[in-house]
N, C-alpha and C. Protein backbone atom coordinates (compact mmCIF):
# COMPACT_ATOMS: atom_id res chain seq x y z
N UNK A 1 0.96 -1.73 -0.37
CA UNK A 1 -0.12 0.00 -0.15
C UNK A 1 0.76 1.14 -0.01
N UNK A 2 1.80 1.09 0.61
CA UNK A 2 3.15 2.21 1.21
C UNK A 2 3.30 2.83 -1.17
N UNK A 3 4.05 1.99 -1.17
CA UNK A 3 4.51 1.80 -2.82
C UNK A 3 3.43 2.60 -3.46
N UNK A 4 2.17 2.46 -3.15
CA UNK A 4 1.43 2.39 -4.11
C UNK A 4 0.93 3.98 -4.03
N UNK A 5 0.89 4.62 -2.90
CA UNK A 5 0.29 5.72 -2.08
C UNK A 5 1.81 6.40 -2.49
N UNK A 6 3.16 6.29 -2.60
CA UNK A 6 4.58 7.01 -3.24
C UNK A 6 4.49 7.31 -4.65
N UNK A 7 4.05 5.88 -5.31
CA UNK A 7 3.14 5.94 -6.98
C UNK A 7 2.60 7.48 -7.50
N UNK A 8 1.41 7.22 -6.81
CA UNK A 8 0.41 8.63 -6.93
C UNK A 8 0.79 10.20 -6.29
N UNK A 9 1.78 9.70 -5.66
CA UNK A 9 2.48 11.33 -5.48
C UNK A 9 2.95 11.55 -6.14
N UNK A 10 4.27 10.48 -7.05
CA UNK A 10 4.86 11.16 -7.66
C UNK A 10 4.26 11.39 -8.99
N UNK A 11 3.37 11.05 -9.34
CA UNK A 11 2.39 11.15 -10.54
C UNK A 11 1.98 12.28 -10.44
N UNK A 12 1.35 12.62 -9.22
CA UNK A 12 0.95 14.25 -8.83
C UNK A 12 2.37 15.43 -9.44
N UNK A 13 3.36 14.93 -8.65
CA UNK A 13 4.25 15.87 -8.82
C UNK A 13 4.65 15.96 -10.01
N UNK A 14 4.70 15.26 -11.04
CA UNK A 14 5.45 14.50 -12.55
C UNK A 14 3.96 15.82 -13.00
N UNK A 15 3.08 15.12 -12.59
CA UNK A 15 2.21 16.58 -13.55
C UNK A 15 1.93 17.94 -13.20
N UNK A 16 2.47 18.21 -11.81
CA UNK A 16 2.18 19.51 -11.50
C UNK A 16 3.43 20.43 -12.18
N UNK A 17 4.67 19.35 -12.04
CA UNK A 17 5.55 19.81 -12.93
C UNK A 17 5.70 20.10 -14.03
N UNK A 18 4.67 19.39 -14.97
CA UNK A 18 5.10 19.76 -16.32
C UNK A 18 3.62 21.13 -16.80
N UNK A 19 2.71 21.03 -15.75
CA UNK A 19 1.71 21.90 -15.94
C UNK A 19 2.81 23.16 -15.90
N UNK A 20 3.20 23.13 -14.57
CA UNK A 20 3.78 24.80 -14.46
C UNK A 20 4.88 25.11 -15.52
N UNK A 21 5.95 23.91 -15.80
CA UNK A 21 6.72 23.98 -17.09
C UNK A 21 5.86 24.84 -18.28
N UNK A 22 4.82 24.26 -18.70
CA UNK A 22 4.05 24.45 -20.08
C UNK A 22 3.77 26.20 -19.63
N UNK A 23 3.39 26.44 -18.41
CA UNK A 23 3.02 27.61 -18.07
C UNK A 23 3.56 28.98 -17.94
N UNK A 24 5.06 28.48 -17.56
CA UNK A 24 6.45 29.08 -17.83
C UNK A 24 6.83 29.51 -19.38
N UNK A 25 6.88 28.50 -19.81
CA UNK A 25 7.13 28.78 -21.02
C UNK A 25 6.46 30.01 -22.23
N UNK A 26 5.21 29.37 -21.69
CA UNK A 26 4.50 30.63 -22.50
C UNK A 26 4.55 32.05 -22.02
N UNK A 27 4.58 32.26 -20.68
CA UNK A 27 5.27 33.75 -20.06
C UNK A 27 6.84 33.73 -20.50
N UNK A 28 7.51 32.66 -20.82
CA UNK A 28 8.94 32.93 -21.45
C UNK A 28 9.19 33.86 -22.43
N UNK A 29 7.92 32.91 -23.50
CA UNK A 29 7.58 33.36 -24.81
C UNK A 29 7.10 35.06 -24.97
N UNK A 30 6.51 35.74 -23.76
CA UNK A 30 5.73 37.08 -23.98
C UNK A 30 7.08 37.59 -23.37
N UNK A 31 7.37 37.12 -22.30
CA UNK A 31 8.55 38.59 -21.67
C UNK A 31 10.05 38.02 -21.56
N UNK A 32 10.45 37.82 -22.71
CA UNK A 32 11.86 37.56 -23.61
C UNK A 32 12.88 38.74 -22.76
N UNK A 33 13.74 37.91 -21.86
CA UNK A 33 15.23 39.12 -20.92
C UNK A 33 15.77 37.96 -20.74
N UNK A 34 17.14 38.66 -20.85
CA UNK A 34 17.70 37.70 -20.40
C UNK A 34 17.88 38.10 -18.41
N UNK A 35 18.03 37.04 -18.18
CA UNK A 35 17.71 37.62 -16.65
C UNK A 35 19.35 38.07 -15.66
N UNK A 36 20.41 37.44 -16.43
CA UNK A 36 21.77 37.52 -16.11
C UNK A 36 22.30 39.13 -16.45
N UNK A 37 21.40 39.54 -17.06
CA UNK A 37 22.70 40.75 -17.53
C UNK A 37 22.54 42.13 -16.31
N UNK A 38 21.74 41.84 -15.37
CA UNK A 38 23.31 42.72 -14.17
C UNK A 38 24.25 42.48 -13.68
N UNK A 39 24.48 41.11 -13.78
CA UNK A 39 26.49 40.31 -13.59
C UNK A 39 27.03 41.39 -14.82
N UNK A 40 27.58 41.63 -14.82
CA UNK A 40 28.99 42.33 -15.03
C UNK A 40 28.32 43.83 -16.13
N UNK A 41 27.19 44.10 -15.76
CA UNK A 41 26.22 45.24 -16.76
C UNK A 41 26.74 46.66 -16.75
N UNK A 42 26.81 47.12 -17.53
CA UNK A 42 26.71 48.83 -17.29
C UNK A 42 25.12 49.16 -17.38
N UNK A 43 24.58 50.05 -16.59
CA UNK A 43 23.57 51.10 -16.78
C UNK A 43 23.24 52.10 -17.59
N UNK A 44 22.70 52.41 -18.17
CA UNK A 44 22.93 53.11 -19.13
C UNK A 44 21.24 54.15 -19.55
N UNK A 45 21.19 54.55 -20.05
CA UNK A 45 19.69 55.38 -20.48
C UNK A 45 18.50 54.45 -21.07
N UNK A 46 18.91 53.29 -21.54
CA UNK A 46 18.03 52.25 -22.09
C UNK A 46 17.44 51.33 -20.73
N UNK A 47 18.75 51.05 -19.43
CA UNK A 47 18.53 50.02 -18.27
C UNK A 47 19.53 49.65 -18.30
N UNK A 48 19.38 48.60 -18.15
CA UNK A 48 21.07 47.47 -17.82
C UNK A 48 21.28 47.22 -19.59
N UNK A 49 22.98 47.13 -19.96
CA UNK A 49 23.18 46.85 -20.77
C UNK A 49 24.26 46.04 -20.44
N UNK A 50 23.80 44.35 -21.04
CA UNK A 50 24.52 43.46 -20.77
C UNK A 50 25.62 43.54 -21.55
N UNK A 51 27.04 43.25 -21.10
CA UNK A 51 28.46 43.20 -21.68
C UNK A 51 28.92 41.85 -22.61
N UNK A 52 29.69 42.03 -23.91
CA UNK A 52 29.09 40.96 -24.44
C UNK A 52 29.87 39.85 -24.64
N UNK A 53 30.14 39.32 -23.50
CA UNK A 53 30.49 37.75 -22.86
C UNK A 53 29.13 37.41 -22.79
N UNK A 54 28.05 37.97 -22.63
CA UNK A 54 27.30 37.18 -22.32
C UNK A 54 25.90 37.77 -23.22
N UNK A 55 26.83 37.51 -24.40
CA UNK A 55 25.95 37.45 -26.00
C UNK A 55 25.53 36.00 -26.43
N UNK A 56 26.24 34.67 -26.48
CA UNK A 56 25.25 33.69 -26.87
C UNK A 56 24.24 33.41 -25.68
N UNK A 57 24.46 33.90 -24.83
CA UNK A 57 22.77 33.32 -23.71
C UNK A 57 21.61 34.56 -24.45
N UNK A 58 22.57 35.34 -24.14
CA UNK A 58 21.37 36.61 -24.93
C UNK A 58 20.70 36.26 -26.67
N UNK A 59 21.34 35.74 -27.20
CA UNK A 59 20.85 34.96 -28.60
C UNK A 59 19.82 34.13 -27.91
N UNK A 60 20.43 32.96 -27.10
CA UNK A 60 19.22 31.82 -27.18
C UNK A 60 18.12 32.07 -26.28
N UNK A 61 18.10 33.76 -25.56
CA UNK A 61 17.27 33.90 -24.92
C UNK A 61 16.18 34.99 -25.36
N UNK A 62 16.53 35.60 -25.84
CA UNK A 62 15.66 37.00 -26.48
C UNK A 62 15.63 36.75 -27.99
N UNK A 63 17.03 36.75 -28.56
CA UNK A 63 16.52 36.51 -29.76
C UNK A 63 16.37 35.68 -30.69
N UNK A 64 16.93 34.34 -30.76
CA UNK A 64 16.26 32.80 -31.25
C UNK A 64 15.54 32.26 -29.12
N UNK A 65 14.25 32.27 -28.81
CA UNK A 65 13.71 31.32 -28.49
C UNK A 65 13.61 29.84 -27.68
N UNK A 66 15.14 30.09 -27.87
CA UNK A 66 15.49 28.63 -28.18
C UNK A 66 15.53 27.64 -26.71
N UNK A 67 15.77 27.89 -25.54
CA UNK A 67 15.55 27.60 -24.42
C UNK A 67 13.67 28.17 -23.78
N UNK A 68 13.25 28.65 -24.28
CA UNK A 68 11.69 28.94 -24.50
C UNK A 68 10.85 27.63 -25.34
N UNK A 69 11.47 27.10 -26.10
CA UNK A 69 11.43 26.14 -27.02
C UNK A 69 11.29 24.68 -26.60
N UNK A 70 12.44 24.80 -26.21
CA UNK A 70 13.20 23.57 -25.42
C UNK A 70 12.11 22.95 -24.17
N UNK A 71 11.58 24.16 -23.39
CA UNK A 71 11.04 24.10 -22.06
C UNK A 71 9.69 23.36 -22.90
N UNK A 72 9.12 24.05 -23.55
CA UNK A 72 7.70 23.98 -24.09
C UNK A 72 7.57 22.39 -24.10
N UNK A 73 8.87 22.05 -25.32
CA UNK A 73 8.61 20.62 -26.08
C UNK A 73 8.92 19.48 -24.51
N UNK A 74 9.79 20.11 -23.60
CA UNK A 74 10.02 19.12 -22.06
C UNK A 74 8.83 18.78 -21.70
N UNK A 75 7.82 20.10 -21.01
CA UNK A 75 6.23 19.90 -20.45
C UNK A 75 5.05 19.53 -21.60
N UNK A 76 5.70 19.18 -22.96
CA UNK A 76 4.43 18.52 -23.18
C UNK A 76 4.71 17.07 -23.46
N UNK A 77 6.05 16.95 -23.41
CA UNK A 77 6.33 15.31 -23.26
C UNK A 77 6.49 14.92 -22.02
N UNK A 78 6.36 15.48 -21.33
CA UNK A 78 6.17 15.05 -19.64
C UNK A 78 4.84 14.55 -18.98
N UNK A 79 3.76 16.18 -19.94
CA UNK A 79 2.66 15.56 -20.02
C UNK A 79 2.25 14.45 -20.80
N UNK A 80 2.14 14.15 -21.89
CA UNK A 80 1.84 13.34 -22.67
C UNK A 80 2.28 11.67 -21.92
N UNK A 81 3.53 11.66 -21.43
CA UNK A 81 3.31 10.52 -20.36
C UNK A 81 2.94 10.33 -19.52
N UNK A 82 2.82 11.47 -18.56
CA UNK A 82 1.75 11.43 -17.55
C UNK A 82 0.61 10.82 -17.22
N UNK A 83 0.12 11.49 -19.22
CA UNK A 83 -1.08 11.87 -18.79
C UNK A 83 -1.45 11.11 -20.64
N UNK A 84 -1.72 10.05 -20.74
CA UNK A 84 -2.01 9.44 -22.27
C UNK A 84 -3.02 9.34 -22.48
N UNK A 85 -3.67 9.06 -23.62
CA UNK A 85 -5.19 9.42 -24.04
C UNK A 85 -5.33 8.16 -23.52
N UNK A 86 -7.11 8.26 -23.29
CA UNK A 86 -7.52 6.44 -23.00
C UNK A 86 -7.91 5.93 -24.04
N UNK A 87 -7.66 4.78 -24.28
CA UNK A 87 -8.35 3.78 -25.54
C UNK A 87 -9.22 3.31 -25.02
N UNK A 88 -9.93 3.88 -25.42
CA UNK A 88 -11.91 3.69 -25.59
C UNK A 88 -12.29 2.32 -26.59
N UNK A 89 -13.50 1.48 -26.16
CA UNK A 89 -13.71 0.27 -26.88
C UNK A 89 -14.20 1.04 -27.90
N UNK A 90 -14.44 0.26 -29.78
CA UNK A 90 -14.69 1.29 -30.31
C UNK A 90 -15.19 2.01 -31.04
N UNK A 91 -13.63 2.50 -30.95
CA UNK A 91 -13.15 4.13 -30.85
C UNK A 91 -12.87 4.31 -32.25
N UNK A 92 -13.82 5.45 -33.67
CA UNK A 92 -14.14 5.42 -34.60
C UNK A 92 -12.49 5.59 -35.50
N UNK A 93 -11.70 5.77 -34.48
CA UNK A 93 -9.94 5.96 -35.49
C UNK A 93 -9.53 4.75 -35.65
N UNK A 94 -9.94 3.82 -34.69
CA UNK A 94 -9.51 2.68 -34.75
C UNK A 94 -9.61 2.22 -36.64
N UNK A 95 -11.22 1.48 -36.77
CA UNK A 95 -11.36 1.65 -38.12
C UNK A 95 -11.17 2.32 -39.20
N UNK A 96 -11.01 3.94 -39.30
CA UNK A 96 -10.29 5.15 -39.84
C UNK A 96 -9.62 3.73 -40.18
N UNK A 97 -8.30 3.98 -39.35
CA UNK A 97 -6.98 3.48 -39.78
C UNK A 97 -6.65 1.68 -40.25
N UNK A 98 -7.99 1.08 -39.09
CA UNK A 98 -7.75 -0.43 -40.32
C UNK A 98 -8.52 0.17 -42.09
N UNK A 99 -9.20 0.77 -41.78
CA UNK A 99 -9.54 1.04 -43.55
C UNK A 99 -8.64 1.71 -44.45
N UNK A 100 -8.32 2.29 -44.37
CA UNK A 100 -6.99 3.07 -44.77
C UNK A 100 -6.21 1.96 -44.91
N UNK A 101 -5.68 1.14 -44.26
CA UNK A 101 -4.28 0.02 -44.05
C UNK A 101 -4.93 -0.61 -45.64
N UNK A 102 -6.37 -1.07 -45.02
CA UNK A 102 -7.06 -2.15 -46.04
C UNK A 102 -7.41 -1.63 -47.38
N UNK A 103 -7.66 -0.56 -47.39
CA UNK A 103 -7.32 -0.21 -48.50
C UNK A 103 -6.09 0.13 -49.59
N UNK A 104 -5.21 0.95 -48.69
CA UNK A 104 -3.60 0.36 -49.70
C UNK A 104 -3.26 -0.85 -49.89
N UNK A 105 -3.61 -1.78 -49.18
CA UNK A 105 -2.99 -3.37 -49.31
C UNK A 105 -3.98 -3.74 -50.67
N UNK A 106 -4.74 -3.31 -50.99
CA UNK A 106 -5.65 -3.37 -51.80
C UNK A 106 -5.58 -2.67 -53.28
N UNK A 107 -5.52 -1.63 -53.11
CA UNK A 107 -4.49 -0.92 -54.86
C UNK A 107 -2.96 -1.74 -54.62
N UNK A 108 -2.19 -1.64 -53.67
CA UNK A 108 -0.81 -2.41 -53.83
C UNK A 108 -1.36 -4.10 -54.68
N UNK A 109 -2.37 -4.36 -54.49
CA UNK A 109 -2.89 -5.30 -54.88
C UNK A 109 -3.10 -7.11 -54.55
N UNK A 110 -3.17 -7.02 -52.87
CA UNK A 110 -2.68 -7.84 -51.84
C UNK A 110 -4.56 -8.38 -52.08
N UNK A 111 -4.83 -9.89 -52.26
CA UNK A 111 -5.74 -10.70 -52.51
C UNK A 111 -5.85 -11.09 -51.00
N UNK A 112 -7.13 -11.03 -50.81
CA UNK A 112 -7.51 -12.47 -49.84
C UNK A 112 -8.58 -13.04 -50.57
N UNK A 113 -8.00 -14.50 -49.44
CA UNK A 113 -8.35 -15.78 -50.25
C UNK A 113 -9.37 -15.88 -49.07
N UNK A 114 -10.25 -16.88 -49.89
CA UNK A 114 -10.85 -17.49 -48.26
C UNK A 114 -10.86 -19.18 -48.59
N UNK A 115 -10.28 -19.92 -47.62
CA UNK A 115 -9.73 -21.05 -47.08
C UNK A 115 -11.24 -22.08 -47.33
N UNK A 116 -11.05 -23.05 -47.61
CA UNK A 116 -12.50 -23.95 -48.06
C UNK A 116 -12.26 -24.89 -46.49
N UNK A 117 -10.78 -24.94 -46.27
CA UNK A 117 -10.96 -25.60 -44.65
C UNK A 117 -10.59 -25.37 -43.08
N UNK A 118 -11.54 -23.71 -43.42
CA UNK A 118 -11.71 -23.63 -42.60
C UNK A 118 -10.54 -21.94 -42.27
N UNK A 119 -10.72 -20.97 -41.14
CA UNK A 119 -10.13 -20.02 -40.66
C UNK A 119 -8.43 -20.00 -40.56
N UNK A 120 -7.81 -21.13 -40.30
CA UNK A 120 -6.32 -21.50 -39.95
C UNK A 120 -5.49 -21.61 -41.91
N UNK A 121 -6.77 -22.21 -42.86
CA UNK A 121 -6.26 -22.60 -43.95
C UNK A 121 -5.33 -24.01 -44.02
N UNK A 122 -5.40 -25.07 -42.79
CA UNK A 122 -4.74 -25.80 -42.78
C UNK A 122 -5.68 -26.87 -44.15
N UNK A 123 -4.73 -28.00 -44.23
CA UNK A 123 -4.99 -29.03 -45.60
C UNK A 123 -5.41 -29.93 -45.27
């Protein structure tokens, strides 16, 4: 019983952190700012201006939102792992996929033969 409770708490923690990362990545897209510009930065009329040695990190955060995209993808991956779509009985998508595979097989010349000796086709 104890392991089951710890498993449920772990799953709840993973879902909560995934939702928080998703929310934080949306806010990071809206407010792109290199946070550590105060380290070695100079105060100018437009505010803090980061030094040249932090330019690669400024490019990753402000110019190319690579860290935001990575956080968004990681949070979606976490939520997909912890909250998978349920498999339902008689779902229409399964019939559509099966019909599509059958149509492709028929268009490539695959033929179904009916055995007279039963479903296994043993003689």
